[in-house]
N, C-alpha and C. Protein backbone atom coordinates (compact mmCIF):
# COMPACT_ATOMS: atom_id res chain seq x y z
N MET A 1 54.99 -64.76 4.20
CA MET A 1 54.87 -65.76 5.23
C MET A 1 53.67 -66.65 4.89
N ARG A 2 53.91 -67.94 4.92
CA ARG A 2 52.85 -68.89 4.58
C ARG A 2 52.06 -69.25 5.83
N LEU A 3 50.75 -69.07 5.76
CA LEU A 3 49.86 -69.39 6.87
C LEU A 3 49.25 -70.77 6.67
N PRO A 4 48.96 -71.48 7.77
CA PRO A 4 48.24 -72.75 7.60
C PRO A 4 46.80 -72.47 7.19
N VAL A 5 46.27 -73.33 6.37
CA VAL A 5 44.89 -73.17 5.91
C VAL A 5 43.95 -73.47 7.08
N ILE A 6 42.98 -72.63 7.25
CA ILE A 6 41.96 -72.86 8.27
C ILE A 6 40.85 -73.64 7.56
N SER A 7 41.09 -74.94 7.40
CA SER A 7 40.19 -75.74 6.58
C SER A 7 38.85 -75.98 7.24
N GLY A 8 38.78 -75.97 8.57
CA GLY A 8 37.51 -76.23 9.26
C GLY A 8 36.39 -75.32 8.80
N PRO A 9 36.53 -73.98 8.93
CA PRO A 9 35.46 -73.08 8.49
C PRO A 9 35.19 -73.16 6.98
N ILE A 10 36.26 -73.30 6.18
CA ILE A 10 36.07 -73.38 4.72
C ILE A 10 35.28 -74.65 4.39
N ASN A 11 35.67 -75.78 4.98
CA ASN A 11 34.97 -77.04 4.70
C ASN A 11 33.56 -77.03 5.25
N HIS A 12 33.32 -76.34 6.37
CA HIS A 12 31.96 -76.23 6.91
C HIS A 12 31.04 -75.55 5.89
N VAL A 13 31.51 -74.47 5.30
CA VAL A 13 30.70 -73.77 4.29
C VAL A 13 30.55 -74.64 3.05
N LEU A 14 31.63 -75.33 2.67
CA LEU A 14 31.54 -76.22 1.50
C LEU A 14 30.53 -77.34 1.73
N ARG A 15 30.48 -77.88 2.96
CA ARG A 15 29.52 -78.96 3.25
C ARG A 15 28.08 -78.47 3.14
N GLY A 16 27.85 -77.20 3.38
CA GLY A 16 26.51 -76.63 3.24
C GLY A 16 26.15 -76.31 1.80
N ASN A 17 27.11 -76.45 0.89
CA ASN A 17 26.91 -76.16 -0.53
C ASN A 17 27.46 -77.34 -1.33
N THR A 18 26.70 -78.42 -1.40
CA THR A 18 27.20 -79.64 -2.04
C THR A 18 27.59 -79.43 -3.50
N TRP A 19 26.92 -78.52 -4.18
CA TRP A 19 27.25 -78.23 -5.58
C TRP A 19 28.70 -77.74 -5.69
N ALA A 20 29.18 -76.98 -4.67
CA ALA A 20 30.55 -76.47 -4.71
C ALA A 20 31.55 -77.60 -4.54
N ARG A 21 31.25 -78.54 -3.63
CA ARG A 21 32.15 -79.68 -3.43
C ARG A 21 32.19 -80.55 -4.68
N GLU A 22 31.03 -80.75 -5.31
CA GLU A 22 30.99 -81.54 -6.54
C GLU A 22 31.84 -80.89 -7.62
N ARG A 23 31.79 -79.58 -7.68
CA ARG A 23 32.60 -78.87 -8.69
C ARG A 23 34.09 -79.00 -8.40
N LEU A 24 34.43 -78.99 -7.10
CA LEU A 24 35.85 -79.09 -6.73
C LEU A 24 36.41 -80.50 -6.90
N THR A 25 35.57 -81.53 -6.81
CA THR A 25 36.09 -82.90 -6.91
C THR A 25 36.77 -83.14 -8.25
N THR A 26 36.38 -82.43 -9.29
CA THR A 26 37.03 -82.59 -10.59
C THR A 26 38.46 -82.03 -10.57
N HIS A 27 38.80 -81.28 -9.53
CA HIS A 27 40.14 -80.70 -9.41
C HIS A 27 40.91 -81.30 -8.24
N ALA A 28 40.51 -82.50 -7.81
CA ALA A 28 41.17 -83.16 -6.67
C ALA A 28 42.67 -83.28 -6.93
N GLY A 29 43.44 -82.93 -5.89
CA GLY A 29 44.89 -83.00 -5.98
C GLY A 29 45.54 -81.71 -6.44
N LEU A 30 44.76 -80.78 -6.98
CA LEU A 30 45.33 -79.51 -7.43
C LEU A 30 45.51 -78.57 -6.24
N VAL A 31 46.50 -77.71 -6.35
CA VAL A 31 46.86 -76.79 -5.26
C VAL A 31 46.54 -75.36 -5.67
N ALA A 32 45.88 -74.65 -4.76
CA ALA A 32 45.57 -73.24 -4.98
C ALA A 32 46.34 -72.41 -3.96
N CYS A 33 46.86 -71.29 -4.40
CA CYS A 33 47.57 -70.36 -3.52
C CYS A 33 46.81 -69.04 -3.51
N ILE A 34 46.44 -68.58 -2.33
CA ILE A 34 45.84 -67.26 -2.17
C ILE A 34 46.96 -66.37 -1.65
N ASP A 35 47.46 -65.49 -2.49
CA ASP A 35 48.59 -64.63 -2.14
C ASP A 35 48.07 -63.25 -1.78
N ASN A 36 48.17 -62.92 -0.49
CA ASN A 36 47.71 -61.63 0.04
C ASN A 36 48.86 -61.08 0.88
N PRO A 37 49.85 -60.44 0.19
CA PRO A 37 51.08 -60.04 0.88
C PRO A 37 50.79 -59.31 2.18
N PRO A 38 51.51 -59.65 3.21
CA PRO A 38 52.70 -60.50 3.31
C PRO A 38 52.38 -61.96 3.57
N PHE A 39 51.12 -62.35 3.48
CA PHE A 39 50.73 -63.73 3.80
C PHE A 39 50.27 -64.46 2.55
N SER A 40 50.35 -65.79 2.62
CA SER A 40 49.79 -66.60 1.55
C SER A 40 49.25 -67.89 2.15
N LEU A 41 48.22 -68.42 1.52
CA LEU A 41 47.59 -69.68 1.92
C LEU A 41 47.76 -70.66 0.76
N MET A 42 48.19 -71.87 1.08
CA MET A 42 48.30 -72.92 0.06
C MET A 42 47.38 -74.05 0.48
N MET A 43 46.44 -74.39 -0.38
CA MET A 43 45.50 -75.46 -0.05
C MET A 43 45.36 -76.41 -1.22
N VAL A 44 45.14 -77.66 -0.88
CA VAL A 44 44.96 -78.69 -1.88
C VAL A 44 43.51 -79.17 -1.82
N VAL A 45 42.95 -79.47 -2.98
CA VAL A 45 41.58 -79.99 -3.05
C VAL A 45 41.64 -81.49 -2.82
N THR A 46 40.81 -81.97 -1.89
CA THR A 46 40.76 -83.40 -1.59
C THR A 46 39.78 -84.11 -2.51
N ALA A 47 39.79 -85.43 -2.48
CA ALA A 47 38.89 -86.22 -3.33
C ALA A 47 37.43 -85.98 -2.99
N SER A 48 37.13 -85.55 -1.75
CA SER A 48 35.74 -85.29 -1.35
C SER A 48 35.26 -83.89 -1.75
N GLY A 49 36.16 -83.08 -2.35
CA GLY A 49 35.78 -81.73 -2.75
C GLY A 49 35.98 -80.71 -1.65
N GLU A 50 36.66 -81.12 -0.58
CA GLU A 50 36.97 -80.18 0.49
C GLU A 50 38.41 -79.73 0.31
N VAL A 51 38.93 -78.92 1.25
CA VAL A 51 40.30 -78.44 1.13
C VAL A 51 41.10 -78.84 2.36
N ALA A 52 42.41 -78.93 2.17
CA ALA A 52 43.34 -79.24 3.26
C ALA A 52 44.61 -78.43 3.02
N ASP A 53 45.43 -78.35 4.05
CA ASP A 53 46.70 -77.63 3.94
C ASP A 53 47.59 -78.37 2.94
N ALA A 54 48.19 -77.63 2.01
CA ALA A 54 49.07 -78.24 1.02
C ALA A 54 50.42 -78.55 1.66
N ALA A 55 51.13 -79.50 1.09
CA ALA A 55 52.45 -79.87 1.57
C ALA A 55 53.38 -78.66 1.48
N PRO A 56 54.37 -78.57 2.38
CA PRO A 56 55.28 -77.41 2.39
C PRO A 56 56.00 -77.18 1.07
N ASP A 57 56.28 -78.27 0.32
CA ASP A 57 57.00 -78.12 -0.95
C ASP A 57 56.07 -78.11 -2.17
N ALA A 58 54.76 -77.97 -1.93
CA ALA A 58 53.77 -78.00 -3.03
C ALA A 58 53.94 -76.79 -3.94
N VAL A 59 53.66 -77.02 -5.21
CA VAL A 59 53.69 -75.95 -6.21
C VAL A 59 52.24 -75.65 -6.58
N ALA A 60 51.90 -74.37 -6.61
CA ALA A 60 50.52 -73.96 -6.87
C ALA A 60 50.16 -74.18 -8.34
N ASP A 61 48.97 -74.77 -8.53
CA ASP A 61 48.43 -74.90 -9.88
C ASP A 61 47.72 -73.60 -10.29
N VAL A 62 47.20 -72.90 -9.28
CA VAL A 62 46.56 -71.59 -9.48
C VAL A 62 47.02 -70.68 -8.36
N THR A 63 47.38 -69.44 -8.74
CA THR A 63 47.73 -68.42 -7.76
C THR A 63 46.76 -67.26 -7.92
N VAL A 64 46.09 -66.91 -6.82
CA VAL A 64 45.16 -65.78 -6.80
C VAL A 64 45.83 -64.68 -5.99
N ARG A 65 46.12 -63.56 -6.63
CA ARG A 65 46.82 -62.46 -5.96
C ARG A 65 45.85 -61.34 -5.64
N VAL A 66 45.80 -60.98 -4.36
CA VAL A 66 44.94 -59.89 -3.88
C VAL A 66 45.72 -59.05 -2.88
N THR A 67 45.26 -57.82 -2.67
CA THR A 67 45.83 -56.96 -1.65
C THR A 67 44.90 -56.98 -0.44
N PRO A 68 45.37 -56.54 0.74
CA PRO A 68 44.47 -56.52 1.90
C PRO A 68 43.19 -55.70 1.66
N GLY A 69 43.32 -54.55 1.02
CA GLY A 69 42.14 -53.74 0.73
C GLY A 69 41.18 -54.42 -0.22
N LEU A 70 41.74 -55.09 -1.21
CA LEU A 70 40.92 -55.82 -2.17
C LEU A 70 40.22 -57.00 -1.49
N MET A 71 40.90 -57.64 -0.55
CA MET A 71 40.30 -58.76 0.19
C MET A 71 39.08 -58.27 0.97
N LEU A 72 39.18 -57.10 1.58
CA LEU A 72 38.03 -56.54 2.31
C LEU A 72 36.86 -56.28 1.37
N ARG A 73 37.16 -55.77 0.18
CA ARG A 73 36.10 -55.52 -0.81
C ARG A 73 35.45 -56.83 -1.24
N LEU A 74 36.25 -57.88 -1.41
CA LEU A 74 35.71 -59.18 -1.79
C LEU A 74 34.82 -59.75 -0.69
N LEU A 75 35.27 -59.63 0.56
CA LEU A 75 34.47 -60.13 1.67
C LEU A 75 33.17 -59.35 1.82
N ALA A 76 33.18 -58.08 1.40
CA ALA A 76 31.97 -57.25 1.45
C ALA A 76 31.09 -57.48 0.23
N ARG A 77 31.47 -58.44 -0.61
CA ARG A 77 30.72 -58.80 -1.82
C ARG A 77 30.63 -57.65 -2.82
N ASP A 78 31.73 -56.88 -2.96
CA ASP A 78 31.81 -55.83 -3.97
C ASP A 78 32.13 -56.49 -5.30
N ALA A 79 31.15 -56.53 -6.19
CA ALA A 79 31.31 -57.25 -7.46
C ALA A 79 32.43 -56.66 -8.31
N SER A 80 32.65 -55.36 -8.25
CA SER A 80 33.70 -54.75 -9.07
C SER A 80 35.10 -55.11 -8.58
N ALA A 81 35.22 -55.62 -7.37
CA ALA A 81 36.54 -55.98 -6.83
C ALA A 81 37.16 -57.13 -7.62
N TRP A 82 36.33 -57.99 -8.19
CA TRP A 82 36.85 -59.15 -8.93
C TRP A 82 37.65 -58.71 -10.16
N ASP A 83 37.39 -57.51 -10.67
CA ASP A 83 38.14 -57.02 -11.83
C ASP A 83 39.61 -56.77 -11.46
N ASP A 84 39.90 -56.54 -10.19
CA ASP A 84 41.26 -56.22 -9.76
C ASP A 84 42.04 -57.44 -9.26
N VAL A 85 41.40 -58.60 -9.19
CA VAL A 85 42.07 -59.83 -8.75
C VAL A 85 42.95 -60.35 -9.89
N LYS A 86 44.19 -60.71 -9.56
CA LYS A 86 45.09 -61.27 -10.56
C LYS A 86 45.19 -62.78 -10.35
N VAL A 87 44.93 -63.55 -11.42
CA VAL A 87 44.94 -65.01 -11.35
C VAL A 87 45.93 -65.54 -12.36
N GLU A 88 46.76 -66.50 -11.91
CA GLU A 88 47.74 -67.14 -12.79
C GLU A 88 47.62 -68.64 -12.64
N GLY A 89 47.79 -69.37 -13.74
CA GLY A 89 47.82 -70.82 -13.67
C GLY A 89 46.69 -71.49 -14.43
N ASN A 90 46.32 -72.67 -13.98
CA ASN A 90 45.32 -73.53 -14.60
C ASN A 90 43.99 -72.79 -14.75
N ALA A 91 43.61 -72.51 -15.99
CA ALA A 91 42.43 -71.67 -16.26
C ALA A 91 41.13 -72.35 -15.80
N GLU A 92 41.02 -73.66 -16.01
CA GLU A 92 39.78 -74.36 -15.63
C GLU A 92 39.60 -74.37 -14.10
N PHE A 93 40.69 -74.63 -13.39
CA PHE A 93 40.66 -74.62 -11.92
C PHE A 93 40.35 -73.21 -11.42
N ALA A 94 40.97 -72.20 -12.03
CA ALA A 94 40.73 -70.81 -11.65
C ALA A 94 39.27 -70.42 -11.88
N ALA A 95 38.69 -70.89 -13.00
CA ALA A 95 37.29 -70.58 -13.29
C ALA A 95 36.38 -71.21 -12.24
N SER A 96 36.69 -72.43 -11.80
CA SER A 96 35.88 -73.08 -10.76
C SER A 96 35.98 -72.32 -9.44
N ILE A 97 37.19 -71.92 -9.07
CA ILE A 97 37.37 -71.15 -7.83
C ILE A 97 36.58 -69.84 -7.90
N HIS A 98 36.67 -69.17 -9.04
CA HIS A 98 35.96 -67.90 -9.22
C HIS A 98 34.45 -68.10 -9.12
N TYR A 99 33.93 -69.14 -9.76
CA TYR A 99 32.50 -69.40 -9.73
C TYR A 99 32.03 -69.71 -8.32
N ILE A 100 32.79 -70.55 -7.62
CA ILE A 100 32.42 -70.91 -6.25
C ILE A 100 32.46 -69.69 -5.34
N ALA A 101 33.52 -68.90 -5.45
CA ALA A 101 33.65 -67.70 -4.61
C ALA A 101 32.49 -66.74 -4.83
N HIS A 102 32.02 -66.65 -6.08
CA HIS A 102 30.91 -65.75 -6.40
C HIS A 102 29.57 -66.25 -5.86
N ASN A 103 29.40 -67.57 -5.84
CA ASN A 103 28.05 -68.11 -5.60
C ASN A 103 27.86 -68.84 -4.29
N ILE A 104 28.93 -69.11 -3.57
CA ILE A 104 28.78 -69.87 -2.33
C ILE A 104 28.15 -68.98 -1.26
N ARG A 105 27.30 -69.57 -0.44
CA ARG A 105 26.63 -68.84 0.64
C ARG A 105 26.73 -69.63 1.92
N TRP A 106 26.95 -68.93 3.00
CA TRP A 106 26.98 -69.55 4.32
C TRP A 106 25.60 -69.39 4.92
N ASP A 107 24.97 -70.47 5.29
CA ASP A 107 23.65 -70.44 5.89
C ASP A 107 23.80 -70.16 7.39
N VAL A 108 23.95 -68.91 7.73
CA VAL A 108 24.17 -68.49 9.12
C VAL A 108 23.00 -68.91 9.99
N GLU A 109 21.80 -68.73 9.48
CA GLU A 109 20.61 -69.05 10.26
C GLU A 109 20.58 -70.52 10.66
N GLU A 110 20.98 -71.40 9.75
CA GLU A 110 21.01 -72.83 10.05
C GLU A 110 21.99 -73.13 11.18
N ASP A 111 23.17 -72.53 11.12
CA ASP A 111 24.17 -72.76 12.17
C ASP A 111 23.73 -72.19 13.51
N LEU A 112 23.14 -71.01 13.49
CA LEU A 112 22.67 -70.41 14.74
C LEU A 112 21.51 -71.21 15.34
N SER A 113 20.68 -71.80 14.49
CA SER A 113 19.53 -72.55 15.01
C SER A 113 19.97 -73.78 15.79
N ARG A 114 21.12 -74.33 15.48
CA ARG A 114 21.62 -75.49 16.22
C ARG A 114 22.00 -75.12 17.65
N VAL A 115 22.37 -73.86 17.85
CA VAL A 115 22.79 -73.41 19.19
C VAL A 115 21.63 -72.76 19.94
N PHE A 116 20.90 -71.88 19.25
CA PHE A 116 19.87 -71.08 19.92
C PHE A 116 18.43 -71.50 19.63
N GLY A 117 18.22 -72.35 18.67
CA GLY A 117 16.87 -72.73 18.27
C GLY A 117 16.44 -71.95 17.04
N ASP A 118 15.42 -72.45 16.37
CA ASP A 118 14.98 -71.86 15.09
C ASP A 118 14.48 -70.44 15.22
N ILE A 119 13.63 -70.17 16.19
CA ILE A 119 13.01 -68.85 16.32
C ILE A 119 14.07 -67.80 16.65
N ALA A 120 14.91 -68.08 17.63
CA ALA A 120 15.95 -67.13 18.01
C ALA A 120 16.92 -66.89 16.86
N ALA A 121 17.29 -67.94 16.15
CA ALA A 121 18.21 -67.80 15.02
C ALA A 121 17.59 -66.92 13.94
N HIS A 122 16.32 -67.15 13.64
CA HIS A 122 15.63 -66.35 12.62
C HIS A 122 15.63 -64.88 13.02
N ARG A 123 15.33 -64.61 14.29
CA ARG A 123 15.30 -63.22 14.76
C ARG A 123 16.69 -62.58 14.73
N MET A 124 17.71 -63.35 15.08
CA MET A 124 19.09 -62.83 15.04
C MET A 124 19.49 -62.43 13.62
N VAL A 125 19.20 -63.32 12.67
CA VAL A 125 19.56 -63.04 11.28
C VAL A 125 18.76 -61.85 10.76
N LYS A 126 17.47 -61.79 11.10
CA LYS A 126 16.64 -60.68 10.68
C LYS A 126 17.17 -59.36 11.25
N THR A 127 17.54 -59.37 12.53
CA THR A 127 18.09 -58.17 13.16
C THR A 127 19.41 -57.78 12.50
N GLY A 128 20.24 -58.76 12.20
CA GLY A 128 21.51 -58.49 11.51
C GLY A 128 21.30 -57.83 10.17
N ARG A 129 20.32 -58.33 9.42
CA ARG A 129 20.02 -57.72 8.11
C ARG A 129 19.51 -56.29 8.26
N GLU A 130 18.65 -56.07 9.26
CA GLU A 130 18.13 -54.73 9.50
C GLU A 130 19.24 -53.76 9.88
N ILE A 131 20.19 -54.22 10.70
CA ILE A 131 21.32 -53.37 11.08
C ILE A 131 22.17 -53.05 9.86
N ALA A 132 22.40 -54.07 9.01
CA ALA A 132 23.19 -53.84 7.80
C ALA A 132 22.48 -52.85 6.88
N ASN A 133 21.15 -52.99 6.73
CA ASN A 133 20.39 -52.05 5.89
C ASN A 133 20.42 -50.65 6.49
N TRP A 134 20.30 -50.56 7.81
CA TRP A 134 20.36 -49.26 8.48
C TRP A 134 21.70 -48.59 8.22
N GLY A 135 22.78 -49.36 8.30
CA GLY A 135 24.10 -48.81 8.03
C GLY A 135 24.23 -48.33 6.60
N GLN A 136 23.69 -49.10 5.65
CA GLN A 136 23.75 -48.71 4.24
C GLN A 136 22.93 -47.44 4.00
N GLN A 137 21.74 -47.37 4.61
CA GLN A 137 20.92 -46.17 4.46
C GLN A 137 21.62 -44.95 5.05
N GLY A 138 22.28 -45.15 6.20
CA GLY A 138 23.02 -44.06 6.82
C GLY A 138 24.14 -43.57 5.92
N ALA A 139 24.86 -44.50 5.31
CA ALA A 139 25.95 -44.13 4.39
C ALA A 139 25.39 -43.39 3.17
N ASP A 140 24.26 -43.86 2.63
CA ASP A 140 23.64 -43.19 1.48
C ASP A 140 23.20 -41.77 1.86
N ASN A 141 22.58 -41.63 3.03
CA ASN A 141 22.13 -40.31 3.47
C ASN A 141 23.30 -39.36 3.68
N LEU A 142 24.39 -39.87 4.25
CA LEU A 142 25.57 -39.06 4.46
C LEU A 142 26.15 -38.61 3.12
N ALA A 143 26.22 -39.51 2.16
CA ALA A 143 26.74 -39.16 0.83
C ALA A 143 25.87 -38.09 0.18
N ARG A 144 24.55 -38.23 0.29
CA ARG A 144 23.64 -37.22 -0.29
C ARG A 144 23.83 -35.87 0.40
N SER A 145 24.00 -35.90 1.72
CA SER A 145 24.20 -34.64 2.45
C SER A 145 25.48 -33.94 2.02
N PHE A 146 26.55 -34.70 1.89
CA PHE A 146 27.81 -34.10 1.44
C PHE A 146 27.68 -33.56 0.03
N THR A 147 27.02 -34.31 -0.83
CA THR A 147 26.83 -33.85 -2.20
C THR A 147 26.04 -32.56 -2.24
N GLU A 148 24.96 -32.48 -1.47
CA GLU A 148 24.16 -31.26 -1.43
C GLU A 148 24.96 -30.10 -0.87
N TYR A 149 25.73 -30.36 0.17
CA TYR A 149 26.54 -29.30 0.79
C TYR A 149 27.58 -28.78 -0.21
N TRP A 150 28.26 -29.72 -0.92
CA TRP A 150 29.32 -29.30 -1.84
C TRP A 150 28.78 -28.70 -3.13
N THR A 151 27.52 -28.94 -3.47
CA THR A 151 26.97 -28.33 -4.69
C THR A 151 26.17 -27.07 -4.41
N GLU A 152 25.58 -26.98 -3.21
CA GLU A 152 24.72 -25.85 -2.90
C GLU A 152 25.34 -24.86 -1.91
N GLU A 153 25.80 -25.36 -0.78
CA GLU A 153 26.32 -24.48 0.29
C GLU A 153 27.73 -23.98 0.00
N ARG A 154 28.62 -24.89 -0.25
CA ARG A 154 30.03 -24.59 -0.56
C ARG A 154 30.35 -25.24 -1.90
N PRO A 155 30.06 -24.56 -2.99
CA PRO A 155 30.15 -25.21 -4.31
C PRO A 155 31.57 -25.65 -4.70
N LEU A 156 31.91 -26.86 -4.33
CA LEU A 156 33.14 -27.49 -4.78
C LEU A 156 32.85 -28.37 -6.00
N ILE A 157 31.59 -28.77 -6.12
CA ILE A 157 31.15 -29.64 -7.20
C ILE A 157 30.01 -28.92 -7.92
N ALA A 158 30.03 -28.95 -9.25
CA ALA A 158 28.97 -28.31 -10.02
C ALA A 158 27.70 -29.14 -9.93
N SER A 159 26.57 -28.43 -9.84
CA SER A 159 25.30 -29.13 -9.81
C SER A 159 24.93 -29.59 -11.22
N ARG A 160 23.96 -30.47 -11.30
CA ARG A 160 23.53 -30.97 -12.60
C ARG A 160 23.03 -29.83 -13.49
N ALA A 161 22.27 -28.91 -12.93
CA ALA A 161 21.74 -27.78 -13.71
C ALA A 161 22.88 -26.92 -14.24
N GLU A 162 23.91 -26.70 -13.42
CA GLU A 162 25.04 -25.89 -13.87
C GLU A 162 25.80 -26.60 -14.99
N ILE A 163 25.96 -27.90 -14.89
CA ILE A 163 26.66 -28.65 -15.94
C ILE A 163 25.86 -28.62 -17.23
N GLU A 164 24.54 -28.78 -17.12
CA GLU A 164 23.70 -28.74 -18.32
C GLU A 164 23.74 -27.35 -18.97
N GLN A 165 23.72 -26.29 -18.15
CA GLN A 165 23.82 -24.93 -18.69
C GLN A 165 25.17 -24.72 -19.36
N PHE A 166 26.24 -25.21 -18.74
CA PHE A 166 27.57 -25.10 -19.33
C PHE A 166 27.61 -25.78 -20.68
N ASN A 167 27.02 -26.99 -20.78
CA ASN A 167 26.99 -27.71 -22.06
C ASN A 167 26.20 -26.95 -23.11
N ARG A 168 25.08 -26.33 -22.72
CA ARG A 168 24.30 -25.52 -23.67
C ARG A 168 25.12 -24.32 -24.14
N ASP A 169 25.83 -23.69 -23.22
CA ASP A 169 26.66 -22.52 -23.58
C ASP A 169 27.78 -22.92 -24.53
N VAL A 170 28.39 -24.07 -24.29
CA VAL A 170 29.45 -24.57 -25.20
C VAL A 170 28.87 -24.84 -26.58
N ASP A 171 27.71 -25.47 -26.63
CA ASP A 171 27.07 -25.74 -27.93
C ASP A 171 26.76 -24.44 -28.66
N ALA A 172 26.24 -23.44 -27.95
CA ALA A 172 25.92 -22.15 -28.57
C ALA A 172 27.20 -21.47 -29.08
N LEU A 173 28.26 -21.53 -28.31
CA LEU A 173 29.53 -20.93 -28.73
C LEU A 173 30.07 -21.63 -29.96
N ARG A 174 29.99 -22.95 -30.01
CA ARG A 174 30.45 -23.71 -31.17
C ARG A 174 29.65 -23.31 -32.42
N ASP A 175 28.34 -23.18 -32.27
CA ASP A 175 27.51 -22.78 -33.40
C ASP A 175 27.86 -21.36 -33.86
N ASP A 176 28.08 -20.44 -32.92
CA ASP A 176 28.45 -19.07 -33.27
C ASP A 176 29.79 -19.03 -34.01
N VAL A 177 30.75 -19.83 -33.54
CA VAL A 177 32.06 -19.87 -34.21
C VAL A 177 31.90 -20.43 -35.62
N ALA A 178 31.08 -21.46 -35.80
CA ALA A 178 30.86 -22.04 -37.13
C ALA A 178 30.23 -21.00 -38.07
N ARG A 179 29.25 -20.23 -37.56
CA ARG A 179 28.64 -19.18 -38.39
C ARG A 179 29.66 -18.10 -38.76
N LEU A 180 30.50 -17.72 -37.80
CA LEU A 180 31.52 -16.70 -38.06
C LEU A 180 32.51 -17.19 -39.12
N GLU A 181 32.92 -18.46 -39.04
CA GLU A 181 33.84 -19.03 -40.04
C GLU A 181 33.21 -18.99 -41.42
N LYS A 182 31.93 -19.33 -41.52
CA LYS A 182 31.25 -19.29 -42.82
C LYS A 182 31.17 -17.87 -43.35
N HIS A 183 30.90 -16.93 -42.46
CA HIS A 183 30.82 -15.52 -42.88
C HIS A 183 32.18 -15.05 -43.38
N ILE A 184 33.26 -15.43 -42.71
CA ILE A 184 34.61 -15.02 -43.14
C ILE A 184 34.94 -15.67 -44.48
N ASP A 185 34.60 -16.96 -44.64
CA ASP A 185 34.85 -17.64 -45.91
C ASP A 185 34.08 -16.98 -47.04
N LEU A 186 32.83 -16.60 -46.79
CA LEU A 186 32.01 -15.93 -47.80
C LEU A 186 32.61 -14.58 -48.18
N CYS A 187 33.03 -13.82 -47.18
CA CYS A 187 33.64 -12.51 -47.44
C CYS A 187 34.93 -12.66 -48.24
N ALA A 188 35.73 -13.67 -47.90
CA ALA A 188 36.99 -13.89 -48.62
C ALA A 188 36.73 -14.32 -50.05
N ALA A 189 35.69 -15.10 -50.28
CA ALA A 189 35.37 -15.59 -51.63
C ALA A 189 34.84 -14.48 -52.51
N THR A 190 34.11 -13.56 -51.97
CA THR A 190 33.52 -12.49 -52.76
C THR A 190 34.39 -11.25 -52.79
N GLY A 191 35.45 -11.22 -52.01
CA GLY A 191 36.33 -10.07 -51.99
C GLY A 191 35.79 -8.93 -51.15
N ARG A 192 34.77 -9.13 -50.43
CA ARG A 192 34.22 -8.09 -49.58
C ARG A 192 34.73 -8.30 -48.17
N TYR A 193 35.23 -7.26 -47.60
CA TYR A 193 35.67 -7.31 -46.20
C TYR A 193 34.93 -6.24 -45.45
N ALA A 194 34.32 -6.62 -44.37
CA ALA A 194 33.61 -5.62 -43.57
C ALA A 194 34.65 -4.87 -42.74
N ARG A 195 34.46 -3.55 -42.72
CA ARG A 195 35.41 -2.73 -41.95
C ARG A 195 34.73 -2.21 -40.74
């Protein structure tokens, strides 16, 4: 199902990043399709470097294929998610889209300051960052707790010390087998067999 492009928010962010609009102006008239089954967005680059809804019969010059889960990872700025994005079409246009998507930033504080004032906007953004950091620290602590539990309390995962000891034991066994092979070869060469 083809969705209409929500050009207002996209163009608002583009207006705050003039370098991105300048980069897009070189691709004026080209159509990009963001395919995220079951939905897709078709947008055309305007002469001003902004985007608009593409004509119903437009053919995409670039198609970017993502899944809903991958889209969430991209929105969360997971850098490894870009490895799973499938892109088809005009390579130069695709490279510009990729570069812009990686580097564009929305100045939330600037937009909030227009409504609430500079001081309140600064405090809101600061509080938002602190909440995000708190959530990340909580997730890290939870992961460490599970790791400790599964390695120490209910050993489902081997600890680092156990893995290192296992590797040392494997090395010692390999060396013992090599010495035994040499001893057998020596005995066979000299005709002596130990009984």
